Amino acid sequence: MEETLYYSALYDCYQLLLTEKQQSYFEEYYFYNLSFGEIGENEKISRNAVCKQVKDVCKKLEEYESKLHLCEFKKKLNNLMDKIEDKTIKEKLEELEGVLENDNQ
């Protein structure tokens, strides 16, 4: 469960850096809970090929985060926003968060 949340957060930040196929395999495995075998059947490739693709995607997501730190930044920003009571500052931080969200789409 913790692994799924971790990779889902990374995917949320970096999915546009992945190919459509990589996105598809990742989503089918992590979001739709399909097995490697089921994904392989649907895609007409081997179970092992799907397994390798999903592992490669996870590795890429970790590499992107180690270089760019967008998820770490987003988490810190959210934690900071939770602690701020001043509405003006909070609105400015929410705007900044919106910029991050729009950049990822």
N, C-alpha and C. Protein backbone atom coordinates (compact mmCIF):
# COMPACT_ATOMS: atom_id res chain seq x y z
N MET A 1 0.82 -1.20 0.00
CA MET A 1 0.00 0.00 0.00
C MET A 1 0.87 1.26 0.00
N GLU A 2 1.87 1.30 0.88
CA GLU A 2 2.76 2.45 0.96
C GLU A 2 3.51 2.63 -0.36
N GLU A 3 3.93 1.53 -0.96
CA GLU A 3 4.63 1.59 -2.24
C GLU A 3 3.72 2.18 -3.32
N THR A 4 2.47 1.77 -3.33
CA THR A 4 1.51 2.27 -4.31
C THR A 4 1.32 3.77 -4.15
N LEU A 5 1.19 4.24 -2.93
CA LEU A 5 1.03 5.68 -2.68
C LEU A 5 2.26 6.46 -3.12
N TYR A 6 3.43 5.90 -2.82
CA TYR A 6 4.69 6.55 -3.19
C TYR A 6 4.79 6.71 -4.71
N TYR A 7 4.59 5.61 -5.43
CA TYR A 7 4.72 5.67 -6.89
C TYR A 7 3.59 6.47 -7.52
N SER A 8 2.42 6.44 -6.92
CA SER A 8 1.31 7.25 -7.44
C SER A 8 1.62 8.74 -7.32
N ALA A 9 2.23 9.14 -6.21
CA ALA A 9 2.61 10.54 -6.03
C ALA A 9 3.67 10.95 -7.06
N LEU A 10 4.65 10.07 -7.26
CA LEU A 10 5.68 10.36 -8.27
C LEU A 10 5.06 10.44 -9.66
N TYR A 11 4.16 9.51 -9.94
CA TYR A 11 3.50 9.47 -11.24
C TYR A 11 2.71 10.76 -11.48
N ASP A 12 2.06 11.24 -10.43
CA ASP A 12 1.29 12.47 -10.53
C ASP A 12 2.17 13.63 -10.96
N CYS A 13 3.40 13.65 -10.49
CA CYS A 13 4.33 14.74 -10.83
C CYS A 13 4.99 14.56 -12.20
N TYR A 14 5.25 13.34 -12.60
CA TYR A 14 6.12 13.12 -13.76
C TYR A 14 5.50 12.32 -14.90
N GLN A 15 4.22 12.07 -14.86
CA GLN A 15 3.63 11.18 -15.87
C GLN A 15 3.83 11.67 -17.30
N LEU A 16 3.89 12.97 -17.50
CA LEU A 16 4.05 13.49 -18.86
C LEU A 16 5.44 13.24 -19.44
N LEU A 17 6.36 12.82 -18.60
CA LEU A 17 7.70 12.49 -19.08
C LEU A 17 7.79 11.03 -19.55
N LEU A 18 6.70 10.30 -19.41
CA LEU A 18 6.65 8.89 -19.81
C LEU A 18 5.92 8.75 -21.14
N THR A 19 6.22 7.67 -21.84
CA THR A 19 5.50 7.39 -23.08
C THR A 19 4.07 6.96 -22.76
N GLU A 20 3.22 6.98 -23.77
CA GLU A 20 1.83 6.55 -23.57
C GLU A 20 1.76 5.09 -23.10
N LYS A 21 2.59 4.25 -23.66
CA LYS A 21 2.61 2.83 -23.26
C LYS A 21 3.03 2.70 -21.80
N GLN A 22 4.07 3.42 -21.42
CA GLN A 22 4.54 3.37 -20.03
C GLN A 22 3.43 3.84 -19.09
N GLN A 23 2.75 4.92 -19.47
CA GLN A 23 1.64 5.40 -18.66
C GLN A 23 0.54 4.35 -18.55
N SER A 24 0.24 3.72 -19.65
CA SER A 24 -0.81 2.70 -19.69
C SER A 24 -0.47 1.53 -18.77
N TYR A 25 0.74 0.99 -18.88
CA TYR A 25 1.15 -0.15 -18.04
C TYR A 25 1.12 0.24 -16.56
N PHE A 26 1.64 1.42 -16.26
CA PHE A 26 1.68 1.87 -14.88
C PHE A 26 0.26 1.99 -14.32
N GLU A 27 -0.61 2.65 -15.05
CA GLU A 27 -1.98 2.85 -14.59
C GLU A 27 -2.74 1.54 -14.43
N GLU A 28 -2.57 0.64 -15.39
CA GLU A 28 -3.26 -0.64 -15.30
C GLU A 28 -2.79 -1.43 -14.08
N TYR A 29 -1.50 -1.36 -13.79
CA TYR A 29 -0.97 -2.11 -12.66
C TYR A 29 -1.29 -1.44 -11.32
N TYR A 30 -0.99 -0.15 -11.20
CA TYR A 30 -1.14 0.53 -9.91
C TYR A 30 -2.55 1.07 -9.66
N PHE A 31 -3.25 1.53 -10.68
CA PHE A 31 -4.56 2.14 -10.46
C PHE A 31 -5.71 1.16 -10.64
N TYR A 32 -5.55 0.23 -11.59
CA TYR A 32 -6.64 -0.72 -11.87
C TYR A 32 -6.38 -2.11 -11.31
N ASN A 33 -5.25 -2.26 -10.62
CA ASN A 33 -4.89 -3.51 -9.94
C ASN A 33 -4.91 -4.74 -10.85
N LEU A 34 -4.53 -4.56 -12.10
CA LEU A 34 -4.40 -5.71 -12.99
C LEU A 34 -3.05 -6.37 -12.75
N SER A 35 -3.00 -7.66 -12.90
CA SER A 35 -1.74 -8.39 -12.75
C SER A 35 -0.91 -8.20 -14.01
N PHE A 36 0.38 -8.53 -13.91
CA PHE A 36 1.24 -8.46 -15.09
C PHE A 36 0.70 -9.37 -16.19
N GLY A 37 0.21 -10.54 -15.79
CA GLY A 37 -0.35 -11.49 -16.75
C GLY A 37 -1.57 -10.92 -17.47
N GLU A 38 -2.46 -10.27 -16.71
CA GLU A 38 -3.66 -9.68 -17.31
C GLU A 38 -3.30 -8.55 -18.27
N ILE A 39 -2.36 -7.72 -17.87
CA ILE A 39 -1.93 -6.63 -18.74
C ILE A 39 -1.29 -7.21 -20.00
N GLY A 40 -0.46 -8.23 -19.82
CA GLY A 40 0.17 -8.88 -20.96
C GLY A 40 -0.84 -9.44 -21.94
N GLU A 41 -1.88 -10.07 -21.42
CA GLU A 41 -2.94 -10.61 -22.29
C GLU A 41 -3.62 -9.48 -23.05
N ASN A 42 -3.94 -8.41 -22.37
CA ASN A 42 -4.61 -7.28 -23.01
C ASN A 42 -3.74 -6.64 -24.08
N GLU A 43 -2.44 -6.58 -23.83
CA GLU A 43 -1.51 -5.92 -24.75
C GLU A 43 -0.87 -6.88 -25.74
N LYS A 44 -1.15 -8.16 -25.55
CA LYS A 44 -0.58 -9.21 -26.41
C LYS A 44 0.95 -9.25 -26.34
N ILE A 45 1.46 -9.12 -25.12
CA ILE A 45 2.89 -9.26 -24.86
C ILE A 45 3.05 -10.17 -23.65
N SER A 46 4.27 -10.57 -23.36
CA SER A 46 4.49 -11.50 -22.26
C SER A 46 4.34 -10.80 -20.91
N ARG A 47 4.05 -11.62 -19.92
CA ARG A 47 3.95 -11.16 -18.55
C ARG A 47 5.27 -10.52 -18.11
N ASN A 48 6.38 -11.16 -18.49
CA ASN A 48 7.71 -10.66 -18.13
C ASN A 48 8.00 -9.29 -18.75
N ALA A 49 7.53 -9.09 -19.97
CA ALA A 49 7.73 -7.80 -20.64
C ALA A 49 6.99 -6.69 -19.88
N VAL A 50 5.79 -6.99 -19.43
CA VAL A 50 5.01 -6.00 -18.66
C VAL A 50 5.71 -5.72 -17.34
N CYS A 51 6.16 -6.77 -16.67
CA CYS A 51 6.85 -6.63 -15.40
C CYS A 51 8.08 -5.72 -15.56
N LYS A 52 8.84 -5.97 -16.60
CA LYS A 52 10.04 -5.16 -16.86
C LYS A 52 9.66 -3.70 -17.12
N GLN A 53 8.61 -3.48 -17.91
CA GLN A 53 8.17 -2.12 -18.22
C GLN A 53 7.75 -1.37 -16.95
N VAL A 54 6.98 -2.02 -16.10
CA VAL A 54 6.50 -1.38 -14.87
C VAL A 54 7.69 -1.06 -13.95
N LYS A 55 8.62 -1.99 -13.84
CA LYS A 55 9.82 -1.74 -13.02
C LYS A 55 10.64 -0.59 -13.60
N ASP A 56 10.76 -0.55 -14.92
CA ASP A 56 11.51 0.53 -15.57
C ASP A 56 10.84 1.89 -15.34
N VAL A 57 9.51 1.90 -15.39
CA VAL A 57 8.77 3.14 -15.14
C VAL A 57 9.03 3.61 -13.71
N CYS A 58 8.96 2.70 -12.75
CA CYS A 58 9.20 3.07 -11.35
C CYS A 58 10.61 3.61 -11.16
N LYS A 59 11.56 2.99 -11.82
CA LYS A 59 12.94 3.45 -11.74
C LYS A 59 13.07 4.86 -12.32
N LYS A 60 12.42 5.10 -13.47
CA LYS A 60 12.46 6.42 -14.09
C LYS A 60 11.83 7.46 -13.18
N LEU A 61 10.71 7.13 -12.57
CA LEU A 61 10.04 8.07 -11.67
C LEU A 61 10.95 8.44 -10.50
N GLU A 62 11.64 7.44 -9.97
CA GLU A 62 12.58 7.70 -8.87
C GLU A 62 13.74 8.58 -9.34
N GLU A 63 14.23 8.34 -10.55
CA GLU A 63 15.33 9.15 -11.10
C GLU A 63 14.88 10.60 -11.30
N TYR A 64 13.69 10.79 -11.84
CA TYR A 64 13.18 12.14 -12.04
C TYR A 64 13.09 12.87 -10.70
N GLU A 65 12.56 12.21 -9.69
CA GLU A 65 12.42 12.84 -8.38
C GLU A 65 13.78 13.14 -7.77
N SER A 66 14.75 12.25 -7.95
CA SER A 66 16.07 12.49 -7.36
C SER A 66 16.76 13.70 -8.01
N LYS A 67 16.38 14.01 -9.24
CA LYS A 67 16.99 15.15 -9.93
C LYS A 67 16.17 16.43 -9.80
N LEU A 68 14.85 16.31 -9.82
CA LEU A 68 14.00 17.50 -9.87
C LEU A 68 13.34 17.86 -8.54
N HIS A 69 13.08 16.88 -7.71
CA HIS A 69 12.50 17.08 -6.37
C HIS A 69 11.14 17.77 -6.38
N LEU A 70 10.35 17.59 -7.43
CA LEU A 70 9.04 18.24 -7.50
C LEU A 70 8.06 17.70 -6.47
N CYS A 71 8.06 16.41 -6.25
CA CYS A 71 7.14 15.83 -5.27
C CYS A 71 7.50 16.28 -3.86
N GLU A 72 8.78 16.32 -3.59
CA GLU A 72 9.25 16.79 -2.28
C GLU A 72 8.84 18.25 -2.07
N PHE A 73 9.01 19.07 -3.10
CA PHE A 73 8.62 20.48 -3.02
C PHE A 73 7.12 20.61 -2.79
N LYS A 74 6.34 19.85 -3.55
CA LYS A 74 4.89 19.90 -3.44
C LYS A 74 4.43 19.49 -2.04
N LYS A 75 5.05 18.47 -1.48
CA LYS A 75 4.71 18.01 -0.14
C LYS A 75 5.03 19.08 0.90
N LYS A 76 6.19 19.70 0.78
CA LYS A 76 6.57 20.77 1.71
C LYS A 76 5.63 21.97 1.58
N LEU A 77 5.27 22.31 0.36
CA LEU A 77 4.35 23.41 0.12
C LEU A 77 2.99 23.13 0.76
N ASN A 78 2.48 21.92 0.60
CA ASN A 78 1.20 21.55 1.20
C ASN A 78 1.26 21.59 2.72
N ASN A 79 2.36 21.11 3.29
CA ASN A 79 2.52 21.14 4.74
C ASN A 79 2.55 22.58 5.25
N LEU A 80 3.24 23.44 4.52
CA LEU A 80 3.31 24.84 4.88
C LEU A 80 1.94 25.51 4.80
N MET A 81 1.20 25.21 3.74
CA MET A 81 -0.13 25.79 3.58
C MET A 81 -1.07 25.37 4.71
N ASP A 82 -0.92 24.15 5.18
CA ASP A 82 -1.76 23.68 6.28
C ASP A 82 -1.53 24.46 7.56
N LYS A 83 -0.33 25.00 7.74
CA LYS A 83 0.04 25.71 8.97
C LYS A 83 -0.25 27.21 8.91
N ILE A 84 -0.47 27.74 7.73
CA ILE A 84 -0.65 29.18 7.57
C ILE A 84 -2.10 29.58 7.79
N GLU A 85 -2.28 30.62 8.59
CA GLU A 85 -3.62 31.11 8.86
C GLU A 85 -3.93 32.40 8.10
N ASP A 86 -2.90 33.13 7.70
CA ASP A 86 -3.09 34.37 6.95
C ASP A 86 -3.65 34.05 5.56
N LYS A 87 -4.85 34.56 5.28
CA LYS A 87 -5.54 34.23 4.03
C LYS A 87 -4.79 34.69 2.79
N THR A 88 -4.19 35.86 2.84
CA THR A 88 -3.47 36.40 1.67
C THR A 88 -2.28 35.52 1.32
N ILE A 89 -1.51 35.15 2.31
CA ILE A 89 -0.34 34.30 2.08
C ILE A 89 -0.79 32.93 1.59
N LYS A 90 -1.83 32.40 2.21
CA LYS A 90 -2.34 31.09 1.82
C LYS A 90 -2.81 31.09 0.36
N GLU A 91 -3.50 32.16 -0.05
CA GLU A 91 -3.97 32.27 -1.43
C GLU A 91 -2.79 32.33 -2.40
N LYS A 92 -1.74 33.05 -2.03
CA LYS A 92 -0.55 33.14 -2.89
C LYS A 92 0.11 31.78 -3.05
N LEU A 93 0.18 31.03 -1.95
CA LEU A 93 0.77 29.68 -2.02
C LEU A 93 -0.10 28.74 -2.84
N GLU A 94 -1.41 28.89 -2.73
CA GLU A 94 -2.32 28.06 -3.53
C GLU A 94 -2.16 28.37 -5.01
N GLU A 95 -1.93 29.65 -5.34
CA GLU A 95 -1.65 30.02 -6.73
C GLU A 95 -0.39 29.34 -7.22
N LEU A 96 0.63 29.33 -6.38
CA LEU A 96 1.89 28.68 -6.71
C LEU A 96 1.68 27.19 -6.93
N GLU A 97 0.87 26.57 -6.08
CA GLU A 97 0.56 25.15 -6.24
C GLU A 97 -0.19 24.93 -7.55
N GLY A 98 -1.08 25.85 -7.90
CA GLY A 98 -1.81 25.75 -9.16
C GLY A 98 -0.89 25.79 -10.36
N VAL A 99 0.15 26.60 -10.28
CA VAL A 99 1.15 26.67 -11.35
C VAL A 99 1.81 25.31 -11.52
N LEU A 100 2.15 24.68 -10.40
CA LEU A 100 2.75 23.34 -10.47
C LEU A 100 1.80 22.34 -11.11
N GLU A 101 0.53 22.40 -10.73
CA GLU A 101 -0.47 21.48 -11.27
C GLU A 101 -0.62 21.67 -12.77
N ASN A 102 -0.70 22.92 -13.21
CA ASN A 102 -0.88 23.21 -14.63
C ASN A 102 0.33 22.80 -15.45
N ASP A 103 1.52 22.92 -14.89
CA ASP A 103 2.73 22.51 -15.59
C ASP A 103 2.78 21.02 -15.81
N ASN A 104 2.10 20.25 -14.94
CA ASN A 104 2.12 18.80 -15.05
C ASN A 104 1.03 18.26 -15.96
N GLN A 105 0.22 19.13 -16.53
CA GLN A 105 -0.88 18.65 -17.39
C GLN A 105 -0.63 18.93 -18.82
